[in-house]
Amino acid sequence: MSTPIPQPPGVPLLGNIFNVDPSNTWWSLKTLAEKYGEIFQISVLGHKIVFIASAALAEEICDEKRFRKFVGGPIIEIRYSVHDALFTAFDHEESWGIHHRIIAPLLTQDAVASHFDEMAACTDELIAQWKSLGAKNTITPLSDLNRLNLEATTLTMFGKKLNGLTGPEPPMIQAMEDSTSEAMRRPNRPKLLNLLIYGGKLKKATKTMRAFAADLVAHRTANPTDRHDLLWALQNTTDPDTGKALTEEQVIDEIVTMPIGTSTAPCALATAIHFLVQNPDVVARAREEVDRVVGNGPWAKEHVPQLEYVGGIVRETLRLSCAAPGFNIEPIPREGDKSPVLLAGGKYQVAHNQPLIIVLAGVNRDPAVFDEPLAFRPERMAGEAFKALPSGVKKWFGNGKRECIGKHWAWEFLVTVTAKIVKEVDFEAVDPGYVLKQDGWFNVRPVDFKVKVNPRTA
């Protein structure tokens, strides 16, 4: 006999709607995972949702022979902005394969490395800006890193320098915030309210994002180049399997998708700064490695794989920050078979068509895998120690064929920025008693975290 899946008490008709804060969904799910353990469920407006919060169960449902990505809820809502783009396409849609085969060759490890100098230059620009602030300064790291992320994404993938690290914030940043926040909230509202009261926010944000993308296309048209970047591939490459090219609208879809996808990176980096402020011994060890590997000479792409301990800092930050907080899975339909799906060797069972959401705030802190799971220990995420960990706790880029297509870009960006700020600047908490609090939509970021930043002194 299977074990009932735990569920918090609810209220009639509305179910567990009050157990999840619509303004901070992922923090609510983190709290529920801490209370109920490896698996739990809620019911909202008659819809049952099951959540996975252990490494073993996460590894099980990432088996692509039994499960696949579930496109539902907020992902359905953001299709208003990007249609059937890579992130939002249903498994059965032909568009996913076409887009993937066109885009993937431009985001391989080697292809990403070819833009290292541009990525590094953007980072140097932000660090120089920080160094010029003077001793009496206060910054919000997330705000500056959001600008850096958009700057680096737009330059490396689409060939345009925004010059957006200073001055008014690029409207694209707020539009991404508005569109993803609205996409998260809409599934939990009656459809009539979404239509009559809240529809304008998503429409306005979508218009801004698509105008941003159209401007990049217009810039390339006005400035012809032999540069073979992602924008070139979107506009000029045909799918090798079908011979189909992307339409103008589909090009816009994918240009909008990429900054939304990379927006988890500044969230992770801002949280990394918090961890570094709390752990000066980690900073000292990282500086020793960076000084040894890079020295006083120019940075090069070859340095990235050599920075093993810095890589451990990045992975440990991804583990604890859950900047990309989770992803959706569903059982692969079995023709004529509607019997329950068994989990954990039959300990639990769910309906044949039950969506499952992996909550990485539970999975990544699983005490069955990690000794002192809340402690920040980069050494356990580097070298042989990292290799020995189960695959269930390595899902910060998603899983299988639908994992983040930009994972190599994200890794190079995260390691490069982390290494450069460790080498170049010192951070000091504005509030020494600050305790990490997070919120977010398609990403999770620190709330009200501010620091002082100055040139490195030791």
Foldseek 3Di string as FASTA:
>chain_A
DADDAAEDAADPQQWCPVQADLQFRLVSVLVVCVVRPQKHWTAGNRAIAIEGFALQQLVVQLPVVWKDFDQDQLLVQCCVQQPCACQNNDPPDPRNLFNCQLQLVCQDLVNLQVCLVVLLVLLVVLLVVQAPPDQPDKDQQLQLVLQSLVQSCCCQALNDGPPQSDDDHQLLSVLLQQQLSCSSNVVNDPPVCCVPPVVVSNVVSSVSLLVVQVVSVVVCVVPPDPDDHNLVSLVPPGRPPPRHHDDPSNSSSVSSVVSSLLSLLSQLVSVLLVLCQVPVVLLVVQQVQLCVQPNPDDDHSVSLVSSQLLLLSSLLSCLQQVQQFKGKMFTDDDPPDFDWDATPVNNDTDTNGHMYIYGSSSHSQHVVFDDVSNDRDSVCCGDPNVVPGDVSNVQSQHHDPSGNSNPSNSSSSNSSSSSVCSNWKDKHWPDPPDDFDWRGGSTIHTDPTMIRMHTDDD
